[in-house]
Amino acid sequence: MLKSKPVFEIKVPGKWILAGEHAVLRGSEALAFPLYSRYLKLFYFKNESNPESEFELFIEGENKQELELIIWSVLERAFSILNVKRSHIFGLVKIQSFIALGGGVGASATLCVALTEWLHFLGYIKNDEMFDFARNLENLFHGESSGVDVAVTLFKKPLVFTRSNGFVDLKISSMPALYLSYSGARRETRDCIE
């Protein structure tokens, strides 16, 4: 019987970038912000009656079908990097996705960060390795991730980001009212960069 309450859960916000979305790959600065209205949640449950039960994955939410197509390749990449066999992972991971892939608001980063946080909870990743690990996972989506999406979704605060210098907190005394509107156009990030 699975525990009724998760032993671990995390909500990872999407991102929006005011300036420098793709120019950051060529050394420019990017101004990035967390987007709390779009997010991904991950819950981890242990099986109390059989602690070493086979690993299971359950996906739900608005973007379930999109996530089902890619989740196993991301998990396999994570396990490969860590040199961990899937058979050594137990329990159930439930993911709720409320962020569309290809919409430009950080769907791949939210997934990579959520999985990184979970693997950190399990003891496979150290605190100071989390950013690089999540960015490495995100390379699956981007070819080469700049890291800006991962940084803002991992640290959940406004950032000024450059590839060469990393990121610093964006000090804002008063945030203006800004609104994002979705055009409905979606593309893979690799296509947008090219």
N, C-alpha and C. Protein backbone atom coordinates (compact mmCIF):
# COMPACT_ATOMS: atom_id res chain seq x y z
N MET A 1 0.84 -1.19 0.00
CA MET A 1 0.00 0.00 0.00
C MET A 1 0.88 1.25 0.00
N LEU A 2 0.59 2.17 -0.91
CA LEU A 2 1.36 3.41 -0.98
C LEU A 2 1.01 4.31 0.18
N LYS A 3 2.00 5.07 0.62
CA LYS A 3 1.75 6.09 1.63
C LYS A 3 0.72 7.06 1.08
N SER A 4 -0.23 7.47 1.89
CA SER A 4 -1.26 8.39 1.41
C SER A 4 -0.70 9.80 1.20
N LYS A 5 0.31 10.13 1.96
CA LYS A 5 0.95 11.44 1.79
C LYS A 5 2.32 11.23 1.15
N PRO A 6 2.69 12.13 0.25
CA PRO A 6 4.02 11.98 -0.36
C PRO A 6 5.13 12.22 0.66
N VAL A 7 6.25 11.53 0.48
CA VAL A 7 7.41 11.78 1.33
C VAL A 7 8.23 12.95 0.79
N PHE A 8 7.94 13.33 -0.45
CA PHE A 8 8.60 14.47 -1.07
C PHE A 8 7.64 15.07 -2.09
N GLU A 9 7.60 16.40 -2.15
CA GLU A 9 6.83 17.07 -3.19
C GLU A 9 7.46 18.43 -3.48
N ILE A 10 7.33 18.85 -4.73
CA ILE A 10 7.87 20.14 -5.13
C ILE A 10 7.02 20.72 -6.25
N LYS A 11 6.90 22.03 -6.22
CA LYS A 11 6.21 22.77 -7.27
C LYS A 11 7.24 23.69 -7.92
N VAL A 12 7.48 23.49 -9.22
CA VAL A 12 8.51 24.24 -9.94
C VAL A 12 7.81 25.21 -10.90
N PRO A 13 8.05 26.51 -10.73
CA PRO A 13 7.39 27.49 -11.62
C PRO A 13 8.03 27.50 -13.00
N GLY A 14 7.25 27.95 -13.96
CA GLY A 14 7.80 28.20 -15.29
C GLY A 14 8.70 29.42 -15.25
N LYS A 15 9.03 29.93 -16.42
CA LYS A 15 9.88 31.12 -16.49
C LYS A 15 9.39 32.03 -17.61
N TRP A 16 9.72 33.29 -17.49
CA TRP A 16 9.55 34.20 -18.62
C TRP A 16 10.77 35.09 -18.64
N ILE A 17 11.18 35.45 -19.84
CA ILE A 17 12.40 36.23 -20.01
C ILE A 17 12.04 37.55 -20.66
N LEU A 18 12.36 38.63 -19.96
CA LEU A 18 12.07 39.97 -20.45
C LEU A 18 12.99 40.35 -21.60
N ALA A 19 14.26 39.99 -21.49
CA ALA A 19 15.24 40.33 -22.53
C ALA A 19 16.34 39.28 -22.55
N GLY A 20 16.84 38.98 -23.76
CA GLY A 20 18.00 38.11 -23.90
C GLY A 20 17.70 36.63 -24.06
N GLU A 21 16.46 36.27 -24.38
CA GLU A 21 16.04 34.86 -24.46
C GLU A 21 17.05 33.98 -25.20
N HIS A 22 17.38 34.32 -26.44
CA HIS A 22 18.33 33.50 -27.19
C HIS A 22 19.69 34.17 -27.33
N ALA A 23 19.74 35.47 -27.14
CA ALA A 23 21.03 36.17 -27.20
C ALA A 23 21.97 35.73 -26.08
N VAL A 24 21.41 35.18 -25.01
CA VAL A 24 22.23 34.71 -23.90
C VAL A 24 23.19 33.61 -24.37
N LEU A 25 22.81 32.86 -25.40
CA LEU A 25 23.69 31.83 -25.94
C LEU A 25 24.94 32.42 -26.60
N ARG A 26 24.86 33.68 -26.98
CA ARG A 26 25.99 34.35 -27.62
C ARG A 26 26.69 35.34 -26.68
N GLY A 27 26.46 35.18 -25.37
CA GLY A 27 27.18 35.97 -24.39
C GLY A 27 26.45 37.16 -23.82
N SER A 28 25.26 37.47 -24.31
CA SER A 28 24.51 38.61 -23.78
C SER A 28 23.85 38.26 -22.45
N GLU A 29 23.41 39.30 -21.75
CA GLU A 29 22.69 39.10 -20.51
C GLU A 29 21.22 38.78 -20.80
N ALA A 30 20.62 38.08 -19.88
CA ALA A 30 19.19 37.82 -19.94
C ALA A 30 18.57 38.24 -18.61
N LEU A 31 17.39 38.83 -18.67
CA LEU A 31 16.61 39.15 -17.47
C LEU A 31 15.48 38.14 -17.40
N ALA A 32 15.51 37.27 -16.39
CA ALA A 32 14.58 36.16 -16.30
C ALA A 32 13.81 36.19 -14.98
N PHE A 33 12.54 35.77 -15.06
CA PHE A 33 11.65 35.80 -13.92
C PHE A 33 10.91 34.47 -13.80
N PRO A 34 10.59 34.04 -12.55
CA PRO A 34 9.74 32.86 -12.41
C PRO A 34 8.32 33.20 -12.85
N LEU A 35 7.63 32.22 -13.41
CA LEU A 35 6.25 32.38 -13.86
C LEU A 35 5.40 31.39 -13.05
N TYR A 36 4.75 31.91 -12.01
CA TYR A 36 4.04 31.04 -11.07
C TYR A 36 2.70 30.54 -11.59
N SER A 37 2.16 31.15 -12.63
CA SER A 37 0.87 30.71 -13.16
C SER A 37 1.00 29.44 -14.02
N ARG A 38 2.18 29.10 -14.46
CA ARG A 38 2.47 27.88 -15.20
C ARG A 38 3.51 27.11 -14.39
N TYR A 39 3.29 25.82 -14.16
CA TYR A 39 4.17 25.09 -13.26
C TYR A 39 4.07 23.58 -13.48
N LEU A 40 4.98 22.88 -12.82
CA LEU A 40 4.98 21.43 -12.79
C LEU A 40 5.14 21.01 -11.34
N LYS A 41 4.35 20.03 -10.93
CA LYS A 41 4.45 19.49 -9.56
C LYS A 41 4.91 18.05 -9.63
N LEU A 42 5.77 17.69 -8.70
CA LEU A 42 6.25 16.31 -8.60
C LEU A 42 6.00 15.84 -7.17
N PHE A 43 5.41 14.64 -7.05
CA PHE A 43 5.16 14.01 -5.75
C PHE A 43 5.84 12.65 -5.75
N TYR A 44 6.46 12.31 -4.62
CA TYR A 44 7.11 11.00 -4.49
C TYR A 44 6.49 10.25 -3.31
N PHE A 45 6.01 9.04 -3.60
CA PHE A 45 5.37 8.20 -2.60
C PHE A 45 6.18 6.93 -2.42
N LYS A 46 6.25 6.47 -1.19
CA LYS A 46 6.88 5.17 -0.91
C LYS A 46 5.80 4.15 -0.64
N ASN A 47 6.09 2.92 -0.96
CA ASN A 47 5.18 1.82 -0.70
C ASN A 47 5.49 1.29 0.69
N GLU A 48 4.59 1.50 1.65
CA GLU A 48 4.85 1.09 3.04
C GLU A 48 4.90 -0.42 3.21
N SER A 49 4.04 -1.13 2.50
CA SER A 49 4.01 -2.58 2.67
C SER A 49 5.14 -3.28 1.92
N ASN A 50 5.67 -2.62 0.87
CA ASN A 50 6.77 -3.21 0.10
C ASN A 50 7.73 -2.08 -0.29
N PRO A 51 8.64 -1.70 0.62
CA PRO A 51 9.53 -0.56 0.37
C PRO A 51 10.40 -0.69 -0.88
N GLU A 52 10.62 -1.91 -1.35
CA GLU A 52 11.44 -2.10 -2.54
C GLU A 52 10.58 -2.51 -3.74
N SER A 53 9.39 -1.92 -3.81
CA SER A 53 8.51 -2.20 -4.95
C SER A 53 9.06 -1.52 -6.19
N GLU A 54 8.69 -2.04 -7.32
CA GLU A 54 9.17 -1.52 -8.60
C GLU A 54 8.81 -0.05 -8.77
N PHE A 55 9.70 0.70 -9.38
CA PHE A 55 9.49 2.13 -9.63
C PHE A 55 8.33 2.32 -10.60
N GLU A 56 7.44 3.25 -10.24
CA GLU A 56 6.30 3.57 -11.09
C GLU A 56 6.25 5.06 -11.35
N LEU A 57 5.68 5.42 -12.47
CA LEU A 57 5.54 6.82 -12.85
C LEU A 57 4.11 7.06 -13.29
N PHE A 58 3.51 8.11 -12.76
CA PHE A 58 2.14 8.46 -13.10
C PHE A 58 2.12 9.93 -13.48
N ILE A 59 1.54 10.25 -14.64
CA ILE A 59 1.52 11.63 -15.13
C ILE A 59 0.08 12.08 -15.30
N GLU A 60 -0.20 13.30 -14.86
CA GLU A 60 -1.52 13.89 -15.05
C GLU A 60 -1.37 15.39 -15.27
N GLY A 61 -2.48 16.03 -15.61
CA GLY A 61 -2.46 17.47 -15.83
C GLY A 61 -2.77 17.82 -17.28
N GLU A 62 -2.83 19.09 -17.55
CA GLU A 62 -3.20 19.61 -18.88
C GLU A 62 -2.32 19.07 -19.99
N ASN A 63 -1.06 18.85 -19.71
CA ASN A 63 -0.09 18.49 -20.74
C ASN A 63 0.45 17.08 -20.56
N LYS A 64 -0.43 16.20 -20.11
CA LYS A 64 -0.06 14.81 -19.83
C LYS A 64 0.52 14.11 -21.06
N GLN A 65 -0.16 14.20 -22.21
CA GLN A 65 0.29 13.46 -23.40
C GLN A 65 1.67 13.91 -23.85
N GLU A 66 1.93 15.21 -23.82
CA GLU A 66 3.25 15.71 -24.24
C GLU A 66 4.34 15.16 -23.33
N LEU A 67 4.08 15.18 -22.05
CA LEU A 67 5.07 14.74 -21.08
C LEU A 67 5.33 13.24 -21.19
N GLU A 68 4.28 12.47 -21.44
CA GLU A 68 4.45 11.02 -21.57
C GLU A 68 5.41 10.65 -22.70
N LEU A 69 5.47 11.47 -23.75
CA LEU A 69 6.33 11.19 -24.89
C LEU A 69 7.82 11.34 -24.56
N ILE A 70 8.14 12.17 -23.57
CA ILE A 70 9.56 12.48 -23.34
C ILE A 70 10.09 12.07 -21.97
N ILE A 71 9.22 11.80 -21.04
CA ILE A 71 9.65 11.62 -19.65
C ILE A 71 10.66 10.49 -19.47
N TRP A 72 10.46 9.36 -20.14
CA TRP A 72 11.37 8.24 -19.92
C TRP A 72 12.76 8.53 -20.46
N SER A 73 12.86 9.27 -21.56
CA SER A 73 14.20 9.60 -22.06
C SER A 73 14.93 10.53 -21.10
N VAL A 74 14.20 11.43 -20.45
CA VAL A 74 14.83 12.33 -19.46
C VAL A 74 15.25 11.54 -18.23
N LEU A 75 14.37 10.65 -17.76
CA LEU A 75 14.73 9.82 -16.60
C LEU A 75 15.91 8.92 -16.91
N GLU A 76 15.92 8.29 -18.08
CA GLU A 76 17.04 7.43 -18.44
C GLU A 76 18.35 8.22 -18.51
N ARG A 77 18.28 9.43 -19.01
CA ARG A 77 19.48 10.29 -19.04
C ARG A 77 19.96 10.56 -17.63
N ALA A 78 19.03 10.89 -16.73
CA ALA A 78 19.39 11.17 -15.33
C ALA A 78 20.03 9.95 -14.68
N PHE A 79 19.41 8.79 -14.86
CA PHE A 79 19.96 7.56 -14.27
C PHE A 79 21.33 7.23 -14.86
N SER A 80 21.50 7.47 -16.14
CA SER A 80 22.78 7.21 -16.80
C SER A 80 23.88 8.12 -16.25
N ILE A 81 23.58 9.41 -16.12
CA ILE A 81 24.57 10.37 -15.58
C ILE A 81 25.00 9.94 -14.18
N LEU A 82 24.03 9.51 -13.38
CA LEU A 82 24.30 9.13 -11.99
C LEU A 82 24.82 7.70 -11.86
N ASN A 83 24.81 6.96 -12.97
CA ASN A 83 25.20 5.55 -12.96
C ASN A 83 24.34 4.75 -11.97
N VAL A 84 23.02 5.00 -12.05
CA VAL A 84 22.05 4.34 -11.19
C VAL A 84 21.11 3.52 -12.07
N LYS A 85 20.85 2.30 -11.68
CA LYS A 85 19.92 1.47 -12.43
C LYS A 85 18.49 1.80 -11.99
N ARG A 86 17.58 1.82 -12.95
CA ARG A 86 16.18 2.08 -12.62
C ARG A 86 15.67 1.08 -11.59
N SER A 87 16.18 -0.13 -11.63
CA SER A 87 15.75 -1.17 -10.69
C SER A 87 16.14 -0.86 -9.24
N HIS A 88 17.01 0.13 -9.04
CA HIS A 88 17.41 0.54 -7.69
C HIS A 88 16.58 1.71 -7.17
N ILE A 89 15.63 2.17 -7.96
CA ILE A 89 14.73 3.26 -7.56
C ILE A 89 13.38 2.63 -7.25
N PHE A 90 12.81 2.99 -6.10
CA PHE A 90 11.57 2.38 -5.64
C PHE A 90 10.50 3.44 -5.39
N GLY A 91 9.26 3.01 -5.38
CA GLY A 91 8.15 3.90 -5.07
C GLY A 91 7.47 4.43 -6.32
N LEU A 92 6.67 5.47 -6.13
CA LEU A 92 5.87 6.06 -7.20
C LEU A 92 6.16 7.54 -7.30
N VAL A 93 6.41 8.01 -8.50
CA VAL A 93 6.53 9.44 -8.79
C VAL A 93 5.29 9.85 -9.57
N LYS A 94 4.62 10.87 -9.06
CA LYS A 94 3.46 11.43 -9.76
C LYS A 94 3.82 12.84 -10.19
N ILE A 95 3.61 13.12 -11.47
CA ILE A 95 3.90 14.44 -12.02
C ILE A 95 2.61 15.05 -12.54
N GLN A 96 2.38 16.30 -12.16
CA GLN A 96 1.25 17.07 -12.68
C GLN A 96 1.84 18.23 -13.48
N SER A 97 1.52 18.27 -14.75
CA SER A 97 2.07 19.30 -15.63
C SER A 97 1.01 20.32 -16.02
N PHE A 98 1.30 21.58 -15.75
CA PHE A 98 0.43 22.69 -16.13
C PHE A 98 1.22 23.70 -16.95
N ILE A 99 2.10 23.16 -17.80
CA ILE A 99 2.96 23.99 -18.63
C ILE A 99 3.23 23.25 -19.94
N ALA A 100 2.90 23.88 -21.05
CA ALA A 100 3.00 23.24 -22.36
C ALA A 100 4.43 23.26 -22.88
N LEU A 101 4.86 22.14 -23.47
CA LEU A 101 6.16 22.09 -24.13
C LEU A 101 6.13 22.96 -25.37
N GLY A 102 7.20 23.68 -25.62
CA GLY A 102 7.32 24.49 -26.83
C GLY A 102 6.63 25.83 -26.75
N GLY A 103 6.10 26.21 -25.60
CA GLY A 103 5.41 27.49 -25.45
C GLY A 103 6.32 28.63 -25.02
N GLY A 104 7.57 28.33 -24.73
CA GLY A 104 8.53 29.37 -24.36
C GLY A 104 8.48 29.82 -22.91
N VAL A 105 7.85 29.00 -22.06
CA VAL A 105 7.77 29.39 -20.65
C VAL A 105 8.44 28.37 -19.71
N GLY A 106 9.35 27.58 -20.25
CA GLY A 106 10.22 26.76 -19.41
C GLY A 106 9.73 25.37 -19.07
N ALA A 107 8.95 24.74 -19.94
CA ALA A 107 8.45 23.39 -19.64
C ALA A 107 9.59 22.40 -19.44
N SER A 108 10.58 22.44 -20.29
CA SER A 108 11.69 21.49 -20.15
C SER A 108 12.48 21.76 -18.87
N ALA A 109 12.66 23.03 -18.54
CA ALA A 109 13.40 23.37 -17.31
C ALA A 109 12.64 22.91 -16.08
N THR A 110 11.31 23.08 -16.06
CA THR A 110 10.54 22.66 -14.88
C THR A 110 10.66 21.16 -14.67
N LEU A 111 10.60 20.40 -15.75
CA LEU A 111 10.74 18.95 -15.64
C LEU A 111 12.13 18.57 -15.14
N CYS A 112 13.16 19.16 -15.74
CA CYS A 112 14.54 18.83 -15.36
C CYS A 112 14.84 19.23 -13.93
N VAL A 113 14.34 20.38 -13.51
CA VAL A 113 14.56 20.85 -12.13
C VAL A 113 13.79 19.97 -11.14
N ALA A 114 12.54 19.62 -11.45
CA ALA A 114 11.76 18.77 -10.55
C ALA A 114 12.44 17.41 -10.36
N LEU A 115 12.91 16.81 -11.45
CA LEU A 115 13.60 15.52 -11.34
C LEU A 115 14.91 15.66 -10.57
N THR A 116 15.62 16.76 -10.79
CA THR A 116 16.87 17.02 -10.05
C THR A 116 16.59 17.16 -8.56
N GLU A 117 15.56 17.91 -8.21
CA GLU A 117 15.19 18.08 -6.79
C GLU A 117 14.84 16.74 -6.16
N TRP A 118 14.10 15.90 -6.89
CA TRP A 118 13.72 14.59 -6.37
C TRP A 118 14.97 13.72 -6.16
N LEU A 119 15.86 13.69 -7.15
CA LEU A 119 17.08 12.88 -7.02
C LEU A 119 18.00 13.43 -5.93
N HIS A 120 17.97 14.73 -5.71
CA HIS A 120 18.69 15.33 -4.58
C HIS A 120 18.09 14.82 -3.27
N PHE A 121 16.77 14.81 -3.17
CA PHE A 121 16.08 14.29 -1.99
C PHE A 121 16.49 12.84 -1.72
N LEU A 122 16.64 12.05 -2.77
CA LEU A 122 17.03 10.65 -2.62
C LEU A 122 18.52 10.48 -2.27
N GLY A 123 19.28 11.56 -2.34
CA GLY A 123 20.69 11.52 -1.96
C GLY A 123 21.66 11.28 -3.10
N TYR A 124 21.18 11.33 -4.34
CA TYR A 124 22.05 11.07 -5.48
C TYR A 124 22.79 12.31 -5.97
N ILE A 125 22.29 13.49 -5.63
CA ILE A 125 22.89 14.74 -6.12
C ILE A 125 23.13 15.66 -4.93
N LYS A 126 24.33 16.23 -4.88
CA LYS A 126 24.66 17.18 -3.82
C LYS A 126 24.07 18.55 -4.16
N ASN A 127 23.90 19.36 -3.13
CA ASN A 127 23.34 20.71 -3.30
C ASN A 127 24.07 21.51 -4.37
N ASP A 128 25.38 21.52 -4.32
CA ASP A 128 26.17 22.34 -5.24
C ASP A 128 26.26 21.75 -6.65
N GLU A 129 25.67 20.58 -6.87
CA GLU A 129 25.66 19.95 -8.20
C GLU A 129 24.32 20.10 -8.92
N MET A 130 23.33 20.63 -8.23
CA MET A 130 21.97 20.62 -8.77
C MET A 130 21.82 21.44 -10.05
N PHE A 131 22.37 22.64 -10.09
CA PHE A 131 22.23 23.47 -11.29
C PHE A 131 22.85 22.78 -12.51
N ASP A 132 24.08 22.31 -12.38
CA ASP A 132 24.76 21.66 -13.52
C ASP A 132 24.04 20.38 -13.94
N PHE A 133 23.53 19.63 -12.97
CA PHE A 133 22.83 18.40 -13.30
C PHE A 133 21.55 18.71 -14.10
N ALA A 134 20.75 19.65 -13.61
CA ALA A 134 19.50 20.00 -14.30
C ALA A 134 19.79 20.57 -15.69
N ARG A 135 20.83 21.39 -15.81
CA ARG A 135 21.20 21.95 -17.11
C ARG A 135 21.63 20.83 -18.07
N ASN A 136 22.35 19.87 -17.55
CA ASN A 136 22.76 18.73 -18.37
C ASN A 136 21.54 17.96 -18.87
N LEU A 137 20.55 17.75 -18.01
CA LEU A 137 19.31 17.10 -18.46
C LEU A 137 18.62 17.92 -19.53
N GLU A 138 18.62 19.24 -19.36
CA GLU A 138 17.92 20.10 -20.31
C GLU A 138 18.60 20.12 -21.68
N ASN A 139 19.85 19.72 -21.74
CA ASN A 139 20.52 19.60 -23.04
C ASN A 139 19.76 18.67 -23.99
N LEU A 140 19.01 17.73 -23.45
CA LEU A 140 18.19 16.84 -24.29
C LEU A 140 17.21 17.65 -25.15
N PHE A 141 16.73 18.75 -24.62
CA PHE A 141 15.72 19.55 -25.31
C PHE A 141 16.34 20.62 -26.20
N HIS A 142 17.48 21.16 -25.78
CA HIS A 142 18.04 22.34 -26.45
C HIS A 142 19.30 22.06 -27.25
N GLY A 143 19.81 20.86 -27.18
CA GLY A 143 21.12 20.62 -27.77
C GLY A 143 22.19 21.08 -26.80
N GLU A 144 22.19 22.37 -26.52
CA GLU A 144 23.07 22.94 -25.49
C GLU A 144 22.27 23.99 -24.74
N SER A 145 21.94 23.71 -23.50
CA SER A 145 21.17 24.63 -22.68
C SER A 145 22.07 25.77 -22.19
N SER A 146 21.58 26.99 -22.28
CA SER A 146 22.34 28.12 -21.73
C SER A 146 22.35 28.06 -20.21
N GLY A 147 21.29 27.49 -19.64
CA GLY A 147 21.16 27.42 -18.18
C GLY A 147 20.24 28.46 -17.60
N VAL A 148 19.84 29.46 -18.39
CA VAL A 148 19.01 30.54 -17.84
C VAL A 148 17.66 30.01 -17.36
N ASP A 149 17.02 29.14 -18.13
CA ASP A 149 15.71 28.61 -17.72
C ASP A 149 15.85 27.78 -16.45
N VAL A 150 16.88 26.95 -16.40
CA VAL A 150 17.13 26.12 -15.22
C VAL A 150 17.39 26.99 -14.00
N ALA A 151 18.19 28.02 -14.16
CA ALA A 151 18.54 28.88 -13.02
C ALA A 151 17.31 29.53 -12.41
N VAL A 152 16.47 30.12 -13.25
CA VAL A 152 15.31 30.85 -12.71
C VAL A 152 14.26 29.90 -12.14
N THR A 153 14.12 28.69 -12.69
CA THR A 153 13.15 27.75 -12.14
C THR A 153 13.68 27.03 -10.90
N LEU A 154 14.99 26.83 -10.83
CA LEU A 154 15.60 26.19 -9.66
C LEU A 154 15.62 27.13 -8.46
N PHE A 155 16.00 28.39 -8.68
CA PHE A 155 16.15 29.33 -7.57
C PHE A 155 14.89 30.16 -7.31
N LYS A 156 13.94 30.13 -8.25
CA LYS A 156 12.61 30.73 -8.08
C LYS A 156 12.66 32.21 -7.70
N LYS A 157 13.55 32.95 -8.38
CA LYS A 157 13.62 34.39 -8.16
C LYS A 157 14.14 35.08 -9.41
N PRO A 158 13.85 36.38 -9.56
CA PRO A 158 14.34 37.12 -10.74
C PRO A 158 15.86 37.13 -10.77
N LEU A 159 16.41 36.94 -11.99
CA LEU A 159 17.86 36.84 -12.14
C LEU A 159 18.36 37.63 -13.35
N VAL A 160 19.59 38.10 -13.25
CA VAL A 160 20.35 38.56 -14.41
C VAL A 160 21.33 37.42 -14.68
N PHE A 161 21.30 36.91 -15.91
CA PHE A 161 22.05 35.71 -16.24
C PHE A 161 22.95 35.95 -17.43
N THR A 162 24.21 35.48 -17.33
CA THR A 162 25.10 35.39 -18.48
C THR A 162 25.76 34.01 -18.43
N ARG A 163 26.06 33.49 -19.59
CA ARG A 163 26.70 32.17 -19.63
C ARG A 163 28.07 32.19 -18.99
N SER A 164 28.81 33.26 -19.20
CA SER A 164 30.19 33.31 -18.69
C SER A 164 30.26 33.58 -17.19
N ASN A 165 29.33 34.37 -16.66
CA ASN A 165 29.40 34.75 -15.25
C ASN A 165 28.32 34.13 -14.37
N GLY A 166 27.44 33.36 -14.99
CA GLY A 166 26.37 32.75 -14.19
C GLY A 166 25.25 33.74 -13.94
N PHE A 167 24.77 33.78 -12.72
CA PHE A 167 23.60 34.61 -12.44
C PHE A 167 23.75 35.32 -11.11
N VAL A 168 23.06 36.45 -11.04
CA VAL A 168 22.95 37.21 -9.80
C VAL A 168 21.49 37.59 -9.62
N ASP A 169 21.10 37.78 -8.37
CA ASP A 169 19.73 38.20 -8.10
C ASP A 169 19.47 39.55 -8.74
N LEU A 170 18.30 39.71 -9.31
CA LEU A 170 17.89 40.98 -9.87
C LEU A 170 17.20 41.75 -8.75
N LYS A 171 17.81 42.84 -8.34
CA LYS A 171 17.27 43.64 -7.23
C LYS A 171 16.20 44.57 -7.78
N ILE A 172 14.97 44.34 -7.36
CA ILE A 172 13.84 45.14 -7.82
C ILE A 172 13.13 45.70 -6.59
N SER A 173 13.07 47.01 -6.49
CA SER A 173 12.39 47.60 -5.34
C SER A 173 10.88 47.54 -5.50
N SER A 174 10.40 47.60 -6.74
CA SER A 174 8.96 47.55 -7.00
C SER A 174 8.75 46.92 -8.37
N MET A 175 8.04 45.83 -8.40
CA MET A 175 7.80 45.13 -9.66
C MET A 175 6.61 45.74 -10.38
N PRO A 176 6.79 46.17 -11.63
CA PRO A 176 5.64 46.70 -12.38
C PRO A 176 4.66 45.58 -12.72
N ALA A 177 3.44 45.97 -13.03
CA ALA A 177 2.44 44.98 -13.46
C ALA A 177 2.70 44.63 -14.91
N LEU A 178 3.15 43.42 -15.14
CA LEU A 178 3.44 42.94 -16.49
C LEU A 178 2.54 41.75 -16.79
N TYR A 179 2.13 41.63 -18.04
CA TYR A 179 1.25 40.54 -18.43
C TYR A 179 1.83 39.83 -19.64
N LEU A 180 1.73 38.51 -19.63
CA LEU A 180 2.13 37.70 -20.76
C LEU A 180 0.87 37.26 -21.49
N SER A 181 0.94 37.27 -22.78
CA SER A 181 -0.17 36.71 -23.55
C SER A 181 0.40 35.64 -24.47
N TYR A 182 -0.36 34.60 -24.65
CA TYR A 182 0.10 33.45 -25.43
C TYR A 182 -0.48 33.53 -26.83
N SER A 183 0.39 33.54 -27.82
CA SER A 183 -0.05 33.65 -29.21
C SER A 183 -0.58 32.33 -29.76
N GLY A 184 -0.26 31.25 -29.08
CA GLY A 184 -0.66 29.94 -29.57
C GLY A 184 0.40 29.29 -30.44
N ALA A 185 1.43 30.04 -30.81
CA ALA A 185 2.53 29.49 -31.62
C ALA A 185 3.47 28.72 -30.73
N ARG A 186 3.85 27.50 -31.18
CA ARG A 186 4.76 26.67 -30.41
C ARG A 186 5.82 26.12 -31.33
N ARG A 187 7.05 26.06 -30.82
CA ARG A 187 8.17 25.50 -31.58
C ARG A 187 9.13 24.87 -30.60
N GLU A 188 9.94 23.95 -31.09
CA GLU A 188 11.02 23.42 -30.27
C GLU A 188 12.08 24.50 -30.14
N THR A 189 12.70 24.58 -28.99
CA THR A 189 13.70 25.61 -28.73
C THR A 189 14.83 25.56 -29.75
N ARG A 190 15.25 24.36 -30.13
CA ARG A 190 16.33 24.24 -31.12
C ARG A 190 15.96 24.99 -32.40
N ASP A 191 14.72 24.87 -32.85
CA ASP A 191 14.27 25.56 -34.07
C ASP A 191 14.31 27.07 -33.88
N CYS A 192 13.88 27.55 -32.73
CA CYS A 192 13.87 28.99 -32.46
C CYS A 192 15.28 29.57 -32.47
N ILE A 193 16.22 28.85 -31.89
CA ILE A 193 17.61 29.32 -31.82
C ILE A 193 18.21 29.40 -33.22
N GLU A 194 17.92 28.38 -34.04
CA GLU A 194 18.45 28.39 -35.41
C GLU A 194 17.82 29.50 -36.23
